[in-house]
Amino acid sequence: MNVTELLESASLLVPQEVATENDISVRDVWDYLVHDEWETALHLLEELGDTPPLPLAFWEQLAQAAAQLGLQRSTAWCHWRCSEIRNGLIRADLTLRPTTEARRTTPIPGHGVLRPMWDIGNLSPTGGASVSIAGLWVEDMPLLQPGGRATVRLIPLTPAHWAHVRTGRQITMHEDRTVAGTAVVLEVRLPTPSVSTT
């Protein structure tokens, strides 16, 4: 499918009554599609994707459209949203340790390339702490500086490891044996069995 067909198909998956906080609806998307303003239509559809959460096909079509338009960050974001549907999502308020207290001296990239380890309370067979891996996307920021704080989205590599995690729980981030940051869980969305990778 070409960009127009992909965006039209994705827009058909958005309920007509859905609108963003700024009162943007799927009708606005169609106005932009009529005038071949694909990039704007794509960004509006990304905004509509959270109200309510839309199916995997929606994000797959947006990812293909973004790739055809050469929009790298949008492509990465749409692929990320596909992974959230498959593996689940943990949103958390993360505070990184400052450079004086941690090994990291450079900012964390915000667009989902980092996959740190997390101590979420699991134990190894010998009774020691066992870490679990989750990809990290920083909301509304391209980078998170050492010592900085932001809301992050985590995609568990093994969703079953995270089944006990609940809102309000404190978890710790590790890039090596030392603590790189601490986070408080804000939201947990477990994957549905039909799309889970485990």
N, C-alpha and C. Protein backbone atom coordinates (compact mmCIF):
# COMPACT_ATOMS: atom_id res chain seq x y z
N MET A 1 0.84 -1.20 0.00
CA MET A 1 0.00 0.00 0.00
C MET A 1 0.88 1.25 0.00
N ASN A 2 0.39 2.30 -0.64
CA ASN A 2 1.12 3.56 -0.60
C ASN A 2 0.74 4.34 0.66
N VAL A 3 1.37 5.50 0.86
CA VAL A 3 1.17 6.29 2.08
C VAL A 3 -0.29 6.65 2.27
N THR A 4 -0.94 7.13 1.22
CA THR A 4 -2.34 7.52 1.34
C THR A 4 -3.22 6.35 1.77
N GLU A 5 -3.02 5.20 1.14
CA GLU A 5 -3.82 4.02 1.48
C GLU A 5 -3.57 3.57 2.92
N LEU A 6 -2.31 3.62 3.35
CA LEU A 6 -1.99 3.23 4.72
C LEU A 6 -2.65 4.16 5.73
N LEU A 7 -2.57 5.47 5.49
CA LEU A 7 -3.16 6.43 6.42
C LEU A 7 -4.68 6.36 6.41
N GLU A 8 -5.26 6.15 5.22
CA GLU A 8 -6.71 6.01 5.15
C GLU A 8 -7.16 4.76 5.91
N SER A 9 -6.44 3.67 5.71
CA SER A 9 -6.78 2.41 6.39
C SER A 9 -6.65 2.55 7.90
N ALA A 10 -5.58 3.19 8.36
CA ALA A 10 -5.39 3.40 9.80
C ALA A 10 -6.49 4.28 10.37
N SER A 11 -6.87 5.33 9.62
CA SER A 11 -7.90 6.25 10.13
C SER A 11 -9.25 5.56 10.28
N LEU A 12 -9.50 4.52 9.48
CA LEU A 12 -10.77 3.78 9.60
C LEU A 12 -10.84 2.97 10.89
N LEU A 13 -9.71 2.76 11.55
CA LEU A 13 -9.68 2.03 12.82
C LEU A 13 -9.94 2.93 14.02
N VAL A 14 -10.01 4.25 13.79
CA VAL A 14 -10.27 5.21 14.86
C VAL A 14 -11.77 5.45 14.96
N PRO A 15 -12.37 5.21 16.12
CA PRO A 15 -13.81 5.48 16.26
C PRO A 15 -14.13 6.95 15.97
N GLN A 16 -15.22 7.19 15.27
CA GLN A 16 -15.61 8.54 14.85
C GLN A 16 -15.75 9.50 16.03
N GLU A 17 -16.21 8.99 17.19
CA GLU A 17 -16.47 9.87 18.34
C GLU A 17 -15.22 10.23 19.12
N VAL A 18 -14.09 9.62 18.79
CA VAL A 18 -12.85 9.86 19.53
C VAL A 18 -12.26 11.21 19.15
N ALA A 19 -11.79 11.94 20.18
CA ALA A 19 -11.12 13.23 19.95
C ALA A 19 -10.00 13.38 20.98
N THR A 20 -8.97 14.15 20.63
CA THR A 20 -7.87 14.43 21.55
C THR A 20 -8.30 15.55 22.49
N GLU A 21 -7.40 15.89 23.43
CA GLU A 21 -7.67 17.00 24.35
C GLU A 21 -7.88 18.31 23.60
N ASN A 22 -7.30 18.42 22.41
CA ASN A 22 -7.43 19.63 21.58
C ASN A 22 -8.58 19.53 20.58
N ASP A 23 -9.48 18.57 20.82
CA ASP A 23 -10.65 18.35 19.96
C ASP A 23 -10.29 17.97 18.52
N ILE A 24 -9.16 17.32 18.35
CA ILE A 24 -8.80 16.79 17.02
C ILE A 24 -9.47 15.44 16.87
N SER A 25 -10.10 15.24 15.74
CA SER A 25 -10.80 13.98 15.50
C SER A 25 -10.35 13.40 14.15
N VAL A 26 -10.88 12.23 13.84
CA VAL A 26 -10.53 11.58 12.58
C VAL A 26 -11.01 12.42 11.38
N ARG A 27 -12.03 13.24 11.56
CA ARG A 27 -12.47 14.13 10.48
C ARG A 27 -11.36 15.12 10.08
N ASP A 28 -10.61 15.58 11.08
CA ASP A 28 -9.48 16.47 10.79
C ASP A 28 -8.41 15.74 9.98
N VAL A 29 -8.20 14.47 10.31
CA VAL A 29 -7.23 13.67 9.56
C VAL A 29 -7.64 13.59 8.10
N TRP A 30 -8.91 13.31 7.85
CA TRP A 30 -9.40 13.20 6.47
C TRP A 30 -9.23 14.51 5.72
N ASP A 31 -9.41 15.65 6.39
CA ASP A 31 -9.19 16.95 5.74
C ASP A 31 -7.76 17.08 5.23
N TYR A 32 -6.81 16.62 6.04
CA TYR A 32 -5.42 16.70 5.62
C TYR A 32 -5.11 15.68 4.52
N LEU A 33 -5.71 14.51 4.59
CA LEU A 33 -5.49 13.50 3.56
C LEU A 33 -6.01 13.96 2.20
N VAL A 34 -7.13 14.66 2.19
CA VAL A 34 -7.71 15.18 0.94
C VAL A 34 -6.74 16.13 0.25
N HIS A 35 -5.95 16.86 1.05
CA HIS A 35 -5.00 17.83 0.50
C HIS A 35 -3.57 17.27 0.43
N ASP A 36 -3.44 15.93 0.54
CA ASP A 36 -2.13 15.25 0.46
C ASP A 36 -1.12 15.76 1.49
N GLU A 37 -1.61 16.16 2.65
CA GLU A 37 -0.72 16.58 3.74
C GLU A 37 -0.53 15.38 4.67
N TRP A 38 0.25 14.41 4.16
CA TRP A 38 0.40 13.12 4.81
C TRP A 38 1.10 13.20 6.16
N GLU A 39 2.15 14.02 6.24
CA GLU A 39 2.89 14.08 7.49
C GLU A 39 2.01 14.61 8.63
N THR A 40 1.24 15.66 8.34
CA THR A 40 0.34 16.20 9.36
C THR A 40 -0.72 15.17 9.73
N ALA A 41 -1.28 14.48 8.74
CA ALA A 41 -2.28 13.45 9.01
C ALA A 41 -1.69 12.35 9.88
N LEU A 42 -0.44 11.96 9.59
CA LEU A 42 0.23 10.92 10.38
C LEU A 42 0.37 11.35 11.83
N HIS A 43 0.82 12.58 12.07
CA HIS A 43 1.01 13.06 13.43
C HIS A 43 -0.31 13.15 14.19
N LEU A 44 -1.37 13.54 13.50
CA LEU A 44 -2.68 13.58 14.14
C LEU A 44 -3.15 12.18 14.52
N LEU A 45 -2.90 11.22 13.64
CA LEU A 45 -3.27 9.84 13.95
C LEU A 45 -2.47 9.31 15.14
N GLU A 46 -1.20 9.68 15.23
CA GLU A 46 -0.40 9.28 16.40
C GLU A 46 -1.04 9.80 17.69
N GLU A 47 -1.52 11.04 17.65
CA GLU A 47 -2.18 11.63 18.82
C GLU A 47 -3.47 10.89 19.16
N LEU A 48 -4.22 10.53 18.12
CA LEU A 48 -5.49 9.83 18.33
C LEU A 48 -5.30 8.40 18.83
N GLY A 49 -4.09 7.87 18.69
CA GLY A 49 -3.82 6.48 19.05
C GLY A 49 -3.95 6.16 20.52
N ASP A 50 -4.03 7.19 21.37
CA ASP A 50 -4.14 6.95 22.81
C ASP A 50 -5.56 7.10 23.34
N THR A 51 -6.49 7.43 22.49
CA THR A 51 -7.84 7.78 22.98
C THR A 51 -8.94 7.05 22.25
N PRO A 52 -9.28 5.84 22.56
CA PRO A 52 -8.64 4.89 23.46
C PRO A 52 -7.49 4.19 22.75
N PRO A 53 -6.74 3.32 23.46
CA PRO A 53 -5.68 2.57 22.76
C PRO A 53 -6.26 1.81 21.56
N LEU A 54 -5.57 1.90 20.45
CA LEU A 54 -6.05 1.29 19.21
C LEU A 54 -5.31 -0.01 18.91
N PRO A 55 -5.83 -0.84 17.99
CA PRO A 55 -5.27 -2.17 17.76
C PRO A 55 -3.90 -2.14 17.08
N LEU A 56 -3.27 -3.31 17.10
CA LEU A 56 -1.94 -3.48 16.51
C LEU A 56 -1.91 -3.05 15.04
N ALA A 57 -2.94 -3.39 14.26
CA ALA A 57 -2.98 -3.03 12.83
C ALA A 57 -2.85 -1.53 12.62
N PHE A 58 -3.44 -0.73 13.51
CA PHE A 58 -3.36 0.73 13.41
C PHE A 58 -1.90 1.19 13.43
N TRP A 59 -1.16 0.70 14.45
CA TRP A 59 0.24 1.13 14.60
C TRP A 59 1.14 0.54 13.52
N GLU A 60 0.84 -0.66 13.05
CA GLU A 60 1.62 -1.26 11.96
C GLU A 60 1.47 -0.43 10.68
N GLN A 61 0.25 0.02 10.38
CA GLN A 61 0.02 0.83 9.19
C GLN A 61 0.69 2.19 9.31
N LEU A 62 0.62 2.79 10.51
CA LEU A 62 1.30 4.08 10.71
C LEU A 62 2.81 3.93 10.58
N ALA A 63 3.36 2.82 11.08
CA ALA A 63 4.81 2.59 10.96
C ALA A 63 5.23 2.50 9.50
N GLN A 64 4.44 1.78 8.70
CA GLN A 64 4.76 1.67 7.27
C GLN A 64 4.67 3.03 6.58
N ALA A 65 3.63 3.81 6.92
CA ALA A 65 3.46 5.13 6.31
C ALA A 65 4.62 6.05 6.71
N ALA A 66 4.98 6.04 7.99
CA ALA A 66 6.09 6.88 8.46
C ALA A 66 7.39 6.50 7.77
N ALA A 67 7.62 5.20 7.58
CA ALA A 67 8.84 4.75 6.89
C ALA A 67 8.85 5.24 5.45
N GLN A 68 7.71 5.15 4.76
CA GLN A 68 7.64 5.63 3.38
C GLN A 68 7.86 7.13 3.29
N LEU A 69 7.47 7.87 4.33
CA LEU A 69 7.67 9.32 4.35
C LEU A 69 9.07 9.70 4.83
N GLY A 70 9.86 8.71 5.28
CA GLY A 70 11.22 9.00 5.74
C GLY A 70 11.26 9.65 7.11
N LEU A 71 10.24 9.45 7.92
CA LEU A 71 10.16 10.05 9.26
C LEU A 71 10.67 9.04 10.29
N GLN A 72 11.97 9.11 10.57
CA GLN A 72 12.61 8.09 11.40
C GLN A 72 12.04 8.02 12.81
N ARG A 73 11.86 9.16 13.45
CA ARG A 73 11.36 9.14 14.84
C ARG A 73 9.93 8.61 14.89
N SER A 74 9.09 9.03 13.94
CA SER A 74 7.71 8.52 13.91
C SER A 74 7.69 7.02 13.62
N THR A 75 8.57 6.57 12.73
CA THR A 75 8.66 5.14 12.44
C THR A 75 9.03 4.38 13.70
N ALA A 76 10.04 4.86 14.43
CA ALA A 76 10.47 4.21 15.67
C ALA A 76 9.35 4.22 16.71
N TRP A 77 8.63 5.35 16.81
CA TRP A 77 7.54 5.46 17.78
C TRP A 77 6.41 4.47 17.46
N CYS A 78 6.05 4.35 16.21
CA CYS A 78 4.96 3.44 15.83
C CYS A 78 5.37 1.98 16.03
N HIS A 79 6.63 1.65 15.73
CA HIS A 79 7.11 0.30 16.01
C HIS A 79 7.12 0.04 17.53
N TRP A 80 7.50 1.06 18.29
CA TRP A 80 7.50 0.96 19.74
C TRP A 80 6.09 0.65 20.24
N ARG A 81 5.09 1.36 19.70
CA ARG A 81 3.71 1.14 20.13
C ARG A 81 3.24 -0.28 19.77
N CYS A 82 3.71 -0.80 18.64
CA CYS A 82 3.40 -2.20 18.30
C CYS A 82 3.97 -3.13 19.37
N SER A 83 5.20 -2.86 19.80
CA SER A 83 5.83 -3.69 20.83
C SER A 83 5.11 -3.59 22.17
N GLU A 84 4.58 -2.39 22.49
CA GLU A 84 3.80 -2.24 23.72
C GLU A 84 2.57 -3.15 23.69
N ILE A 85 1.92 -3.25 22.54
CA ILE A 85 0.73 -4.09 22.43
C ILE A 85 1.11 -5.55 22.60
N ARG A 86 2.24 -5.95 22.01
CA ARG A 86 2.67 -7.35 22.08
C ARG A 86 3.21 -7.74 23.47
N ASN A 87 4.02 -6.86 24.08
CA ASN A 87 4.75 -7.21 25.29
C ASN A 87 4.25 -6.53 26.56
N GLY A 88 3.34 -5.57 26.42
CA GLY A 88 2.88 -4.84 27.59
C GLY A 88 3.65 -3.54 27.78
N LEU A 89 3.17 -2.74 28.71
CA LEU A 89 3.73 -1.42 28.96
C LEU A 89 3.77 -1.15 30.45
N ILE A 90 4.89 -0.63 30.90
CA ILE A 90 5.03 -0.10 32.25
C ILE A 90 5.41 1.37 32.08
N ARG A 91 4.58 2.28 32.59
CA ARG A 91 4.96 3.71 32.62
C ARG A 91 5.45 4.02 34.02
N ALA A 92 6.52 4.80 34.09
CA ALA A 92 7.12 5.08 35.40
C ALA A 92 7.73 6.47 35.41
N ASP A 93 7.85 7.02 36.61
CA ASP A 93 8.52 8.30 36.85
C ASP A 93 9.96 7.96 37.24
N LEU A 94 10.90 8.17 36.30
CA LEU A 94 12.30 7.78 36.48
C LEU A 94 13.17 8.97 36.85
N THR A 95 14.01 8.79 37.85
CA THR A 95 15.03 9.77 38.20
C THR A 95 16.39 9.10 38.07
N LEU A 96 17.22 9.63 37.18
CA LEU A 96 18.58 9.09 37.01
C LEU A 96 19.49 9.62 38.10
N ARG A 97 20.47 8.83 38.46
CA ARG A 97 21.47 9.29 39.41
C ARG A 97 22.35 10.34 38.72
N PRO A 98 22.83 11.33 39.48
CA PRO A 98 23.74 12.31 38.89
C PRO A 98 25.09 11.68 38.58
N THR A 99 25.88 12.35 37.77
CA THR A 99 27.19 11.80 37.36
C THR A 99 28.11 11.55 38.55
N THR A 100 27.93 12.29 39.64
CA THR A 100 28.77 12.10 40.83
C THR A 100 28.44 10.80 41.56
N GLU A 101 27.27 10.19 41.26
CA GLU A 101 26.85 8.98 41.97
C GLU A 101 26.70 7.76 41.07
N ALA A 102 26.92 7.92 39.78
CA ALA A 102 26.71 6.80 38.85
C ALA A 102 27.80 6.79 37.79
N ARG A 103 27.87 5.71 37.08
CA ARG A 103 28.90 5.59 36.03
C ARG A 103 28.53 6.34 34.75
N ARG A 104 27.24 6.48 34.50
CA ARG A 104 26.80 7.16 33.27
C ARG A 104 27.13 8.65 33.34
N THR A 105 27.80 9.13 32.28
CA THR A 105 28.14 10.56 32.21
C THR A 105 27.48 11.23 31.01
N THR A 106 26.79 10.43 30.19
CA THR A 106 26.14 10.97 28.99
C THR A 106 24.63 10.80 29.11
N PRO A 107 23.86 11.59 28.36
CA PRO A 107 22.40 11.46 28.42
C PRO A 107 21.92 10.12 27.86
N ILE A 108 20.77 9.70 28.34
CA ILE A 108 20.11 8.52 27.81
C ILE A 108 19.32 8.94 26.58
N PRO A 109 19.47 8.25 25.44
CA PRO A 109 18.64 8.56 24.28
C PRO A 109 17.19 8.22 24.59
N GLY A 110 16.29 9.10 24.18
CA GLY A 110 14.89 8.96 24.56
C GLY A 110 14.04 8.11 23.66
N HIS A 111 14.55 7.65 22.53
CA HIS A 111 13.70 7.02 21.52
C HIS A 111 13.81 5.49 21.47
N GLY A 112 13.94 4.87 22.62
CA GLY A 112 13.77 3.42 22.70
C GLY A 112 14.94 2.54 22.33
N VAL A 113 16.15 3.08 22.25
CA VAL A 113 17.29 2.24 21.87
C VAL A 113 17.96 1.59 23.08
N LEU A 114 17.76 2.15 24.28
CA LEU A 114 18.39 1.62 25.49
C LEU A 114 17.50 0.51 26.08
N ARG A 115 18.13 -0.60 26.48
CA ARG A 115 17.42 -1.71 27.10
C ARG A 115 18.12 -2.07 28.41
N PRO A 116 17.91 -1.26 29.44
CA PRO A 116 18.59 -1.51 30.71
C PRO A 116 17.97 -2.67 31.49
N MET A 117 18.67 -3.05 32.55
CA MET A 117 18.18 -4.08 33.47
C MET A 117 17.42 -3.38 34.60
N TRP A 118 16.42 -4.08 35.15
CA TRP A 118 15.58 -3.51 36.20
C TRP A 118 15.46 -4.50 37.35
N ASP A 119 15.67 -4.01 38.55
CA ASP A 119 15.39 -4.80 39.74
C ASP A 119 13.95 -4.51 40.12
N ILE A 120 13.08 -5.51 39.87
CA ILE A 120 11.65 -5.35 40.13
C ILE A 120 11.19 -6.29 41.25
N GLY A 121 12.16 -6.80 42.02
CA GLY A 121 11.82 -7.62 43.16
C GLY A 121 11.88 -9.11 42.92
N ASN A 122 12.28 -9.54 41.73
CA ASN A 122 12.40 -10.97 41.46
C ASN A 122 13.68 -11.50 42.10
N LEU A 123 13.64 -12.78 42.48
CA LEU A 123 14.81 -13.42 43.09
C LEU A 123 15.33 -14.53 42.20
N SER A 124 16.64 -14.72 42.24
CA SER A 124 17.28 -15.82 41.51
C SER A 124 17.04 -17.12 42.27
N PRO A 125 17.34 -18.28 41.66
CA PRO A 125 17.18 -19.57 42.37
C PRO A 125 17.99 -19.65 43.66
N THR A 126 19.08 -18.88 43.77
CA THR A 126 19.90 -18.91 44.98
C THR A 126 19.44 -17.88 46.01
N GLY A 127 18.39 -17.12 45.68
CA GLY A 127 17.86 -16.15 46.64
C GLY A 127 18.36 -14.74 46.46
N GLY A 128 19.29 -14.51 45.54
CA GLY A 128 19.79 -13.16 45.29
C GLY A 128 18.85 -12.40 44.35
N ALA A 129 19.12 -11.12 44.19
CA ALA A 129 18.31 -10.30 43.29
C ALA A 129 18.48 -10.77 41.85
N SER A 130 17.39 -10.77 41.11
CA SER A 130 17.41 -11.13 39.69
C SER A 130 16.83 -9.96 38.90
N VAL A 131 17.56 -9.51 37.89
CA VAL A 131 17.10 -8.36 37.11
C VAL A 131 16.36 -8.81 35.86
N SER A 132 15.50 -7.94 35.37
CA SER A 132 14.74 -8.18 34.14
C SER A 132 15.01 -7.03 33.18
N ILE A 133 15.03 -7.34 31.90
CA ILE A 133 15.35 -6.33 30.88
C ILE A 133 14.07 -5.72 30.32
N ALA A 134 14.12 -4.41 30.12
CA ALA A 134 13.00 -3.72 29.47
C ALA A 134 13.55 -2.55 28.65
N GLY A 135 13.03 -2.40 27.43
CA GLY A 135 13.37 -1.23 26.63
C GLY A 135 12.81 0.03 27.28
N LEU A 136 13.43 1.17 26.99
CA LEU A 136 13.07 2.42 27.64
C LEU A 136 12.85 3.52 26.61
N TRP A 137 11.68 4.17 26.65
CA TRP A 137 11.36 5.33 25.82
C TRP A 137 11.05 6.48 26.76
N VAL A 138 11.70 7.62 26.59
CA VAL A 138 11.45 8.79 27.42
C VAL A 138 10.34 9.62 26.77
N GLU A 139 9.27 9.87 27.52
CA GLU A 139 8.15 10.63 26.97
C GLU A 139 8.51 12.11 26.84
N ASP A 140 8.20 12.69 25.71
CA ASP A 140 8.29 14.14 25.47
C ASP A 140 9.69 14.73 25.57
N MET A 141 10.73 13.91 25.50
CA MET A 141 12.10 14.42 25.57
C MET A 141 12.99 13.58 24.67
N PRO A 142 13.87 14.22 23.88
CA PRO A 142 14.78 13.44 23.04
C PRO A 142 15.89 12.78 23.83
N LEU A 143 16.26 13.36 24.98
CA LEU A 143 17.35 12.85 25.82
C LEU A 143 16.99 13.06 27.28
N LEU A 144 17.51 12.18 28.14
CA LEU A 144 17.37 12.37 29.59
C LEU A 144 18.77 12.46 30.18
N GLN A 145 19.07 13.62 30.74
CA GLN A 145 20.40 13.89 31.28
C GLN A 145 20.63 13.15 32.60
N PRO A 146 21.89 12.80 32.93
CA PRO A 146 22.18 12.26 34.25
C PRO A 146 21.65 13.21 35.32
N GLY A 147 21.01 12.66 36.34
CA GLY A 147 20.39 13.48 37.38
C GLY A 147 19.01 13.99 37.01
N GLY A 148 18.59 13.75 35.77
CA GLY A 148 17.30 14.23 35.30
C GLY A 148 16.15 13.31 35.69
N ARG A 149 14.95 13.84 35.48
CA ARG A 149 13.73 13.10 35.83
C ARG A 149 12.74 13.22 34.69
N ALA A 150 12.06 12.11 34.38
CA ALA A 150 11.08 12.11 33.29
C ALA A 150 10.15 10.91 33.43
N THR A 151 9.01 11.01 32.76
CA THR A 151 8.12 9.86 32.64
C THR A 151 8.66 9.00 31.51
N VAL A 152 8.79 7.71 31.77
CA VAL A 152 9.32 6.78 30.77
C VAL A 152 8.32 5.66 30.52
N ARG A 153 8.46 5.05 29.36
CA ARG A 153 7.66 3.89 28.98
C ARG A 153 8.62 2.71 28.86
N LEU A 154 8.29 1.61 29.52
CA LEU A 154 9.13 0.42 29.51
C LEU A 154 8.40 -0.71 28.80
N ILE A 155 9.12 -1.41 27.93
CA ILE A 155 8.59 -2.62 27.29
C ILE A 155 9.38 -3.80 27.84
N PRO A 156 8.72 -4.67 28.63
CA PRO A 156 9.42 -5.84 29.17
C PRO A 156 9.86 -6.80 28.07
N LEU A 157 11.10 -7.27 28.16
CA LEU A 157 11.57 -8.29 27.23
C LEU A 157 10.84 -9.61 27.49
N THR A 158 10.62 -9.91 28.77
CA THR A 158 9.87 -11.10 29.17
C THR A 158 8.70 -10.64 30.04
N PRO A 159 7.53 -10.43 29.44
CA PRO A 159 6.40 -9.87 30.19
C PRO A 159 6.04 -10.64 31.45
N ALA A 160 6.19 -11.96 31.46
CA ALA A 160 5.82 -12.76 32.63
C ALA A 160 6.62 -12.35 33.87
N HIS A 161 7.85 -11.87 33.69
CA HIS A 161 8.66 -11.43 34.82
C HIS A 161 8.04 -10.24 35.53
N TRP A 162 7.23 -9.46 34.81
CA TRP A 162 6.68 -8.20 35.33
C TRP A 162 5.25 -8.34 35.82
N ALA A 163 4.69 -9.55 35.81
CA ALA A 163 3.27 -9.75 36.13
C ALA A 163 2.90 -9.27 37.53
N HIS A 164 3.84 -9.27 38.47
CA HIS A 164 3.55 -8.87 39.85
C HIS A 164 3.70 -7.37 40.08
N VAL A 165 4.24 -6.63 39.12
CA VAL A 165 4.51 -5.20 39.29
C VAL A 165 3.20 -4.42 39.29
N ARG A 166 3.06 -3.54 40.25
CA ARG A 166 1.83 -2.75 40.40
C ARG A 166 2.15 -1.26 40.49
N THR A 167 1.15 -0.45 40.24
CA THR A 167 1.26 1.00 40.37
C THR A 167 1.74 1.36 41.78
N GLY A 168 2.67 2.31 41.86
CA GLY A 168 3.20 2.77 43.13
C GLY A 168 4.47 2.06 43.57
N ARG A 169 4.80 0.96 42.93
CA ARG A 169 6.00 0.20 43.30
C ARG A 169 7.26 0.95 42.86
N GLN A 170 8.30 0.92 43.67
CA GLN A 170 9.59 1.51 43.28
C GLN A 170 10.46 0.41 42.69
N ILE A 171 11.07 0.69 41.55
CA ILE A 171 11.97 -0.23 40.87
C ILE A 171 13.28 0.50 40.60
N THR A 172 14.35 -0.26 40.42
CA THR A 172 15.65 0.38 40.16
C THR A 172 16.20 -0.04 38.81
N MET A 173 16.83 0.92 38.15
CA MET A 173 17.42 0.71 36.84
C MET A 173 18.92 0.48 36.99
N HIS A 174 19.43 -0.49 36.21
CA HIS A 174 20.86 -0.82 36.23
C HIS A 174 21.37 -0.91 34.79
N GLU A 175 22.57 -0.36 34.58
CA GLU A 175 23.27 -0.60 33.32
C GLU A 175 24.48 -1.49 33.58
N ASP A 176 24.83 -1.65 34.83
CA ASP A 176 25.84 -2.58 35.31
C ASP A 176 25.42 -2.95 36.73
N ARG A 177 26.33 -3.33 37.60
CA ARG A 177 25.94 -3.73 38.96
C ARG A 177 25.46 -2.54 39.81
N THR A 178 25.83 -1.34 39.43
CA THR A 178 25.44 -0.17 40.22
C THR A 178 24.05 0.32 39.81
N VAL A 179 23.41 1.04 40.71
CA VAL A 179 22.08 1.60 40.43
C VAL A 179 22.25 2.84 39.56
N ALA A 180 21.58 2.85 38.42
CA ALA A 180 21.65 3.99 37.49
C ALA A 180 20.50 4.98 37.73
N GLY A 181 19.40 4.48 38.31
CA GLY A 181 18.26 5.35 38.56
C GLY A 181 17.18 4.60 39.32
N THR A 182 16.23 5.35 39.84
CA THR A 182 15.08 4.76 40.52
C THR A 182 13.82 5.28 39.86
N ALA A 183 12.79 4.44 39.88
CA ALA A 183 11.53 4.82 39.23
C ALA A 183 10.35 4.36 40.08
N VAL A 184 9.27 5.12 40.00
CA VAL A 184 8.02 4.75 40.65
C VAL A 184 7.03 4.41 39.53
N VAL A 185 6.44 3.24 39.59
CA VAL A 185 5.52 2.78 38.56
C VAL A 185 4.23 3.60 38.59
N LEU A 186 3.86 4.13 37.44
CA LEU A 186 2.64 4.93 37.29
C LEU A 186 1.48 4.16 36.68
N GLU A 187 1.80 3.20 35.82
CA GLU A 187 0.77 2.48 35.08
C GLU A 187 1.33 1.13 34.63
N VAL A 188 0.48 0.12 34.65
CA VAL A 188 0.86 -1.22 34.18
C VAL A 188 -0.21 -1.69 33.22
N ARG A 189 0.19 -2.04 32.01
CA ARG A 189 -0.71 -2.65 31.03
C ARG A 189 -0.09 -3.96 30.58
N LEU A 190 -0.67 -5.06 31.01
CA LEU A 190 -0.14 -6.37 30.63
C LEU A 190 -0.63 -6.72 29.23
N PRO A 191 0.17 -7.50 28.48
CA PRO A 191 -0.27 -7.87 27.13
C PRO A 191 -1.44 -8.84 27.18
N THR A 192 -2.27 -8.78 26.13
CA THR A 192 -3.35 -9.75 26.03
C THR A 192 -2.77 -11.05 25.49
N PRO A 193 -3.29 -12.19 25.91
CA PRO A 193 -2.71 -13.47 25.50
C PRO A 193 -2.62 -13.65 23.98
N SER A 194 -3.53 -13.06 23.23
CA SER A 194 -3.53 -13.27 21.78
C SER A 194 -2.38 -12.59 21.07
N VAL A 195 -1.77 -11.55 21.69
CA VAL A 195 -0.66 -10.86 21.04
C VAL A 195 0.64 -10.96 21.82
N SER A 196 0.64 -11.61 22.98
CA SER A 196 1.84 -11.72 23.79
C SER A 196 2.91 -12.53 23.06
N THR A 197 4.18 -12.14 23.28
CA THR A 197 5.29 -12.85 22.66
C THR A 197 5.77 -14.01 23.52
N THR A 198 5.21 -14.18 24.71
CA THR A 198 5.66 -15.28 25.57
C THR A 198 4.60 -16.35 25.65
